[in-house]
């Protein structure tokens, strides 16, 4: 009898709130990928998610942590994917930090590092 009650509760929860497990976007693809090494500078940053969201913050910095201006403006519309044009970077190590806001307004941040040879 306990099992039937538990099964009923779980089933009801899944029916009433089908998107509870999908509240936050999951990264499908990001380029440059974390740890990637480029023979020349990458032209764009690209990220794709499982859900539409807004790219609210983007920062590119060098190995010393000095920010590099890319002219980023926070996105005002939701989208599955975002691209940010990158300047031609000299050889070195770089970090990209970005933040997206999902439809539930939860903020998700990520940081990746890459190298230009």
N, C-alpha and C. Protein backbone atom coordinates (compact mmCIF):
# COMPACT_ATOMS: atom_id res chain seq x y z
N UNK A 1 0.82 -1.19 0.00
CA UNK A 1 0.00 0.00 0.00
C UNK A 1 0.87 1.27 0.00
N UNK A 2 1.96 1.25 0.78
CA UNK A 2 2.86 2.41 0.80
C UNK A 2 3.46 2.66 -0.58
N UNK A 3 3.82 1.58 -1.25
CA UNK A 3 4.40 1.70 -2.58
C UNK A 3 3.41 2.36 -3.55
N UNK A 4 2.15 1.99 -3.47
CA UNK A 4 1.13 2.56 -4.35
C UNK A 4 0.97 4.05 -4.07
N UNK A 5 0.97 4.45 -2.80
CA UNK A 5 0.86 5.87 -2.46
C UNK A 5 2.07 6.65 -2.99
N UNK A 6 3.24 6.09 -2.81
CA UNK A 6 4.46 6.74 -3.30
C UNK A 6 4.42 6.86 -4.82
N UNK A 7 4.00 5.81 -5.48
CA UNK A 7 3.90 5.82 -6.94
C UNK A 7 2.90 6.87 -7.40
N UNK A 8 1.79 7.00 -6.70
CA UNK A 8 0.78 7.99 -7.04
C UNK A 8 1.33 9.41 -6.86
N UNK A 9 2.07 9.65 -5.79
CA UNK A 9 2.65 10.97 -5.55
C UNK A 9 3.67 11.31 -6.63
N UNK A 10 4.54 10.38 -6.95
CA UNK A 10 5.55 10.62 -7.99
C UNK A 10 4.89 10.86 -9.33
N UNK A 11 3.92 10.06 -9.70
CA UNK A 11 3.23 10.21 -10.98
C UNK A 11 2.52 11.56 -11.06
N UNK A 12 1.83 11.94 -10.00
CA UNK A 12 1.14 13.22 -9.96
C UNK A 12 2.12 14.37 -10.11
N UNK A 13 3.24 14.29 -9.42
CA UNK A 13 4.26 15.33 -9.52
C UNK A 13 4.78 15.46 -10.94
N UNK A 14 5.06 14.34 -11.58
CA UNK A 14 5.57 14.37 -12.95
C UNK A 14 4.55 14.91 -13.93
N UNK A 15 3.28 14.65 -13.71
CA UNK A 15 2.23 15.13 -14.60
C UNK A 15 1.99 16.62 -14.41
N UNK A 16 1.95 17.07 -13.16
CA UNK A 16 1.65 18.47 -12.88
C UNK A 16 2.80 19.42 -13.18
N UNK A 17 4.03 18.96 -13.02
CA UNK A 17 5.19 19.80 -13.24
C UNK A 17 6.17 19.12 -14.18
N UNK A 18 5.80 19.01 -15.47
CA UNK A 18 6.67 18.26 -16.39
C UNK A 18 8.00 18.92 -16.67
N UNK A 19 8.13 20.21 -16.44
CA UNK A 19 9.38 20.89 -16.77
C UNK A 19 10.24 21.18 -15.56
N UNK A 20 9.92 20.61 -14.43
CA UNK A 20 10.73 20.88 -13.23
C UNK A 20 12.19 20.53 -13.43
N UNK A 21 12.47 19.43 -14.08
CA UNK A 21 13.84 19.01 -14.29
C UNK A 21 14.56 19.78 -15.38
N UNK A 22 13.82 20.57 -16.15
CA UNK A 22 14.41 21.32 -17.25
C UNK A 22 14.42 22.81 -16.99
N UNK A 23 14.44 23.21 -15.73
CA UNK A 23 14.36 24.63 -15.40
C UNK A 23 15.61 25.40 -15.81
N UNK A 24 16.75 24.74 -15.88
CA UNK A 24 17.99 25.42 -16.20
C UNK A 24 18.53 24.93 -17.53
N UNK A 25 19.03 25.87 -18.34
CA UNK A 25 19.61 25.43 -19.61
C UNK A 25 20.89 24.61 -19.39
N UNK A 26 21.06 23.60 -20.20
CA UNK A 26 22.25 22.76 -20.16
C UNK A 26 23.07 23.08 -21.41
N UNK A 27 24.37 23.23 -21.24
CA UNK A 27 25.24 23.55 -22.37
C UNK A 27 25.32 22.35 -23.31
N UNK A 28 25.02 22.58 -24.59
CA UNK A 28 25.15 21.55 -25.62
C UNK A 28 26.51 21.62 -26.29
N UNK A 29 26.95 22.85 -26.58
CA UNK A 29 28.24 23.03 -27.25
C UNK A 29 28.80 24.39 -26.88
N UNK A 30 30.12 24.44 -26.72
CA UNK A 30 30.79 25.70 -26.48
C UNK A 30 32.11 25.68 -27.24
N UNK A 31 32.41 26.79 -27.88
CA UNK A 31 33.66 26.91 -28.62
C UNK A 31 34.18 28.34 -28.46
N UNK A 32 35.40 28.52 -28.03
CA UNK A 32 36.41 27.53 -27.74
C UNK A 32 35.99 26.65 -26.56
N UNK A 33 36.40 25.39 -26.61
CA UNK A 33 36.15 24.47 -25.51
C UNK A 33 37.21 24.68 -24.43
N UNK A 34 36.87 24.31 -23.21
CA UNK A 34 37.82 24.46 -22.11
C UNK A 34 39.07 23.64 -22.38
N UNK A 35 40.24 24.30 -22.34
CA UNK A 35 41.51 23.63 -22.57
C UNK A 35 41.92 23.53 -24.02
N UNK A 36 41.10 24.03 -24.93
CA UNK A 36 41.42 23.93 -26.36
C UNK A 36 42.63 24.79 -26.70
N UNK A 37 43.43 24.31 -27.66
CA UNK A 37 44.62 25.03 -28.12
C UNK A 37 44.42 25.36 -29.60
N UNK A 38 44.64 26.64 -29.95
CA UNK A 38 44.46 27.11 -31.32
C UNK A 38 45.80 27.50 -31.93
N UNK A 39 46.05 27.13 -33.19
CA UNK A 39 47.28 27.57 -33.86
C UNK A 39 47.23 29.06 -34.19
N UNK A 40 46.01 29.58 -34.39
CA UNK A 40 45.79 31.02 -34.62
C UNK A 40 44.59 31.43 -33.77
N UNK A 41 44.35 32.72 -33.68
CA UNK A 41 43.28 33.19 -32.80
C UNK A 41 41.90 32.75 -33.30
N UNK A 42 41.03 32.30 -32.38
CA UNK A 42 39.66 31.97 -32.77
C UNK A 42 38.90 33.26 -33.08
N UNK A 43 37.98 33.19 -34.04
CA UNK A 43 37.26 34.39 -34.46
C UNK A 43 36.04 34.70 -33.60
N UNK A 44 35.38 33.65 -33.11
CA UNK A 44 34.16 33.87 -32.33
C UNK A 44 34.08 32.91 -31.15
N UNK A 45 33.33 33.36 -30.15
CA UNK A 45 32.91 32.50 -29.05
C UNK A 45 31.50 32.06 -29.40
N UNK A 46 31.21 30.77 -29.23
CA UNK A 46 29.90 30.22 -29.56
C UNK A 46 29.44 29.33 -28.42
N UNK A 47 28.19 29.48 -28.02
CA UNK A 47 27.62 28.60 -27.00
C UNK A 47 26.18 28.27 -27.39
N UNK A 48 25.82 26.99 -27.22
CA UNK A 48 24.46 26.53 -27.51
C UNK A 48 23.94 25.76 -26.30
N UNK A 49 22.66 26.04 -25.97
CA UNK A 49 22.03 25.43 -24.81
C UNK A 49 20.82 24.59 -25.21
N UNK A 50 20.29 23.85 -24.24
CA UNK A 50 19.11 23.02 -24.47
C UNK A 50 17.83 23.84 -24.42
N UNK A 51 17.90 25.05 -23.89
CA UNK A 51 16.73 25.93 -23.79
C UNK A 51 17.12 27.34 -24.18
N UNK A 52 16.09 28.11 -24.52
CA UNK A 52 16.34 29.52 -24.80
C UNK A 52 16.70 30.23 -23.49
N UNK A 53 17.55 31.23 -23.60
CA UNK A 53 18.04 31.96 -22.44
C UNK A 53 18.62 33.29 -22.93
N UNK A 54 19.05 34.11 -22.01
CA UNK A 54 19.70 35.38 -22.34
C UNK A 54 21.15 35.32 -21.90
N UNK A 55 22.04 35.74 -22.78
CA UNK A 55 23.45 35.89 -22.42
C UNK A 55 23.59 37.28 -21.80
N UNK A 56 23.78 37.32 -20.49
CA UNK A 56 23.78 38.60 -19.77
C UNK A 56 25.17 39.16 -19.51
N UNK A 57 26.18 38.29 -19.37
CA UNK A 57 27.54 38.77 -19.12
C UNK A 57 28.52 37.95 -19.93
N UNK A 58 29.56 38.63 -20.40
CA UNK A 58 30.63 37.97 -21.15
C UNK A 58 31.91 38.74 -20.89
N UNK A 59 32.96 38.04 -20.48
CA UNK A 59 34.24 38.70 -20.26
C UNK A 59 35.38 37.82 -20.75
N UNK A 60 36.26 38.42 -21.52
CA UNK A 60 37.48 37.77 -22.00
C UNK A 60 38.64 38.41 -21.26
N UNK A 61 39.54 37.58 -20.72
CA UNK A 61 40.71 38.13 -20.02
C UNK A 61 41.96 37.33 -20.38
N UNK A 62 43.12 37.99 -20.21
CA UNK A 62 44.39 37.32 -20.52
C UNK A 62 44.88 36.53 -19.31
N UNK A 63 46.07 35.97 -19.41
CA UNK A 63 46.62 35.11 -18.35
C UNK A 63 46.81 35.86 -17.02
N UNK A 64 46.98 37.18 -17.08
CA UNK A 64 47.14 37.97 -15.86
C UNK A 64 45.80 38.39 -15.27
N UNK A 65 44.70 38.08 -15.96
CA UNK A 65 43.38 38.46 -15.49
C UNK A 65 42.92 39.81 -15.98
N UNK A 66 43.71 40.43 -16.88
CA UNK A 66 43.35 41.73 -17.42
C UNK A 66 42.23 41.57 -18.44
N UNK A 67 41.10 42.29 -18.25
CA UNK A 67 39.99 42.19 -19.21
C UNK A 67 40.38 42.71 -20.58
N UNK A 68 39.85 42.07 -21.62
CA UNK A 68 40.05 42.48 -23.01
C UNK A 68 38.68 42.88 -23.55
N UNK A 69 38.57 44.13 -24.02
CA UNK A 69 37.28 44.63 -24.51
C UNK A 69 36.89 43.93 -25.80
N UNK A 70 35.68 43.37 -25.80
CA UNK A 70 35.14 42.75 -27.01
C UNK A 70 33.87 43.46 -27.47
N UNK A 71 33.52 44.55 -26.79
CA UNK A 71 32.33 45.30 -27.15
C UNK A 71 31.03 44.57 -26.85
N UNK A 72 31.05 43.69 -25.87
CA UNK A 72 29.85 42.90 -25.55
C UNK A 72 28.74 43.76 -24.96
N UNK A 73 27.54 43.53 -25.45
CA UNK A 73 26.33 44.13 -24.90
C UNK A 73 25.42 43.01 -24.42
N UNK A 74 24.89 43.09 -23.20
CA UNK A 74 23.99 42.03 -22.71
C UNK A 74 22.82 41.83 -23.67
N UNK A 75 22.47 40.58 -23.88
CA UNK A 75 21.37 40.25 -24.79
C UNK A 75 20.04 40.54 -24.11
N UNK A 76 19.11 41.08 -24.89
CA UNK A 76 17.79 41.40 -24.36
C UNK A 76 16.74 40.39 -24.81
N UNK A 77 17.10 39.52 -25.74
CA UNK A 77 16.17 38.50 -26.21
C UNK A 77 16.71 37.11 -25.87
N UNK A 78 15.81 36.18 -25.71
CA UNK A 78 16.22 34.81 -25.42
C UNK A 78 16.55 34.09 -26.72
N UNK A 79 17.48 33.17 -26.65
CA UNK A 79 17.89 32.41 -27.83
C UNK A 79 18.51 31.09 -27.38
N UNK A 80 18.55 30.12 -28.31
CA UNK A 80 19.17 28.82 -28.04
C UNK A 80 20.69 28.93 -28.05
N UNK A 81 21.20 29.85 -28.87
CA UNK A 81 22.65 29.97 -29.03
C UNK A 81 23.06 31.43 -29.10
N UNK A 82 24.31 31.66 -28.77
CA UNK A 82 24.87 33.02 -28.81
C UNK A 82 26.27 32.97 -29.38
N UNK A 83 26.64 34.05 -30.06
CA UNK A 83 27.99 34.22 -30.60
C UNK A 83 28.50 35.59 -30.18
N UNK A 84 29.79 35.63 -29.87
CA UNK A 84 30.46 36.89 -29.55
C UNK A 84 31.72 36.94 -30.39
N UNK A 85 31.86 38.01 -31.16
CA UNK A 85 33.05 38.20 -32.00
C UNK A 85 34.26 38.45 -31.10
N UNK A 86 35.35 37.73 -31.36
CA UNK A 86 36.57 37.90 -30.57
C UNK A 86 37.61 38.67 -31.39
N UNK A 87 38.41 39.51 -30.72
CA UNK A 87 39.50 40.18 -31.43
C UNK A 87 40.60 39.17 -31.75
N UNK A 88 41.46 39.50 -32.70
CA UNK A 88 42.59 38.62 -32.99
C UNK A 88 43.55 38.72 -31.80
N UNK A 89 43.79 37.58 -31.18
CA UNK A 89 44.58 37.54 -29.95
C UNK A 89 45.99 37.05 -30.22
N UNK A 90 47.00 37.68 -29.60
CA UNK A 90 48.36 37.17 -29.73
C UNK A 90 48.51 35.86 -28.96
N UNK A 91 49.62 35.18 -29.17
CA UNK A 91 49.88 33.92 -28.45
C UNK A 91 49.76 34.14 -26.95
N UNK A 92 49.12 33.20 -26.28
CA UNK A 92 48.95 33.30 -24.84
C UNK A 92 47.77 32.49 -24.36
N UNK A 93 47.54 32.57 -23.06
CA UNK A 93 46.42 31.85 -22.45
C UNK A 93 45.32 32.84 -22.11
N UNK A 94 44.07 32.44 -22.34
CA UNK A 94 42.93 33.33 -22.16
C UNK A 94 41.81 32.61 -21.41
N UNK A 95 40.98 33.42 -20.76
CA UNK A 95 39.82 32.89 -20.04
C UNK A 95 38.58 33.65 -20.47
N UNK A 96 37.52 32.92 -20.70
CA UNK A 96 36.21 33.50 -20.99
C UNK A 96 35.30 33.15 -19.83
N UNK A 97 34.66 34.17 -19.27
CA UNK A 97 33.64 33.98 -18.23
C UNK A 97 32.33 34.49 -18.79
N UNK A 98 31.27 33.72 -18.62
CA UNK A 98 29.97 34.19 -19.10
C UNK A 98 28.86 33.77 -18.15
N UNK A 99 27.74 34.51 -18.22
CA UNK A 99 26.59 34.22 -17.38
C UNK A 99 25.34 34.28 -18.24
N UNK A 100 24.51 33.28 -18.10
CA UNK A 100 23.22 33.26 -18.79
C UNK A 100 22.12 33.28 -17.75
N UNK A 101 20.96 33.77 -18.18
CA UNK A 101 19.80 33.79 -17.31
C UNK A 101 18.73 32.96 -17.99
N UNK A 102 18.29 31.90 -17.31
CA UNK A 102 17.26 31.02 -17.84
C UNK A 102 15.88 31.61 -17.69
N UNK A 103 14.89 30.90 -18.21
CA UNK A 103 13.52 31.41 -18.17
C UNK A 103 12.99 31.52 -16.74
N UNK A 104 13.58 30.78 -15.82
CA UNK A 104 13.17 30.88 -14.42
C UNK A 104 13.95 31.98 -13.69
N UNK A 105 14.74 32.75 -14.44
CA UNK A 105 15.56 33.86 -13.95
C UNK A 105 16.75 33.41 -13.10
N UNK A 106 17.01 32.12 -13.08
CA UNK A 106 18.18 31.60 -12.37
C UNK A 106 19.42 31.91 -13.19
N UNK A 107 20.45 32.43 -12.55
CA UNK A 107 21.69 32.77 -13.24
C UNK A 107 22.66 31.59 -13.21
N UNK A 108 23.23 31.29 -14.36
CA UNK A 108 24.20 30.21 -14.48
C UNK A 108 25.48 30.80 -15.05
N UNK A 109 26.60 30.56 -14.36
CA UNK A 109 27.88 31.07 -14.82
C UNK A 109 28.79 29.93 -15.23
N UNK A 110 29.72 30.25 -16.13
CA UNK A 110 30.70 29.27 -16.56
C UNK A 110 31.99 29.99 -16.91
N UNK A 111 33.08 29.27 -16.84
CA UNK A 111 34.40 29.82 -17.16
C UNK A 111 35.16 28.78 -17.95
N UNK A 112 35.76 29.21 -19.06
CA UNK A 112 36.59 28.31 -19.87
C UNK A 112 37.93 28.98 -20.14
N UNK A 113 38.95 28.18 -20.32
CA UNK A 113 40.28 28.69 -20.67
C UNK A 113 40.72 28.06 -21.97
N UNK A 114 41.45 28.82 -22.77
CA UNK A 114 41.99 28.31 -24.02
C UNK A 114 43.33 28.98 -24.29
N UNK A 115 44.08 28.40 -25.21
CA UNK A 115 45.41 28.90 -25.53
C UNK A 115 45.53 29.18 -27.01
N UNK A 116 46.20 30.28 -27.34
CA UNK A 116 46.56 30.59 -28.73
C UNK A 116 48.07 30.41 -28.82
N UNK A 117 48.52 29.57 -29.77
CA UNK A 117 49.96 29.30 -29.94
C UNK A 117 50.62 30.37 -30.79
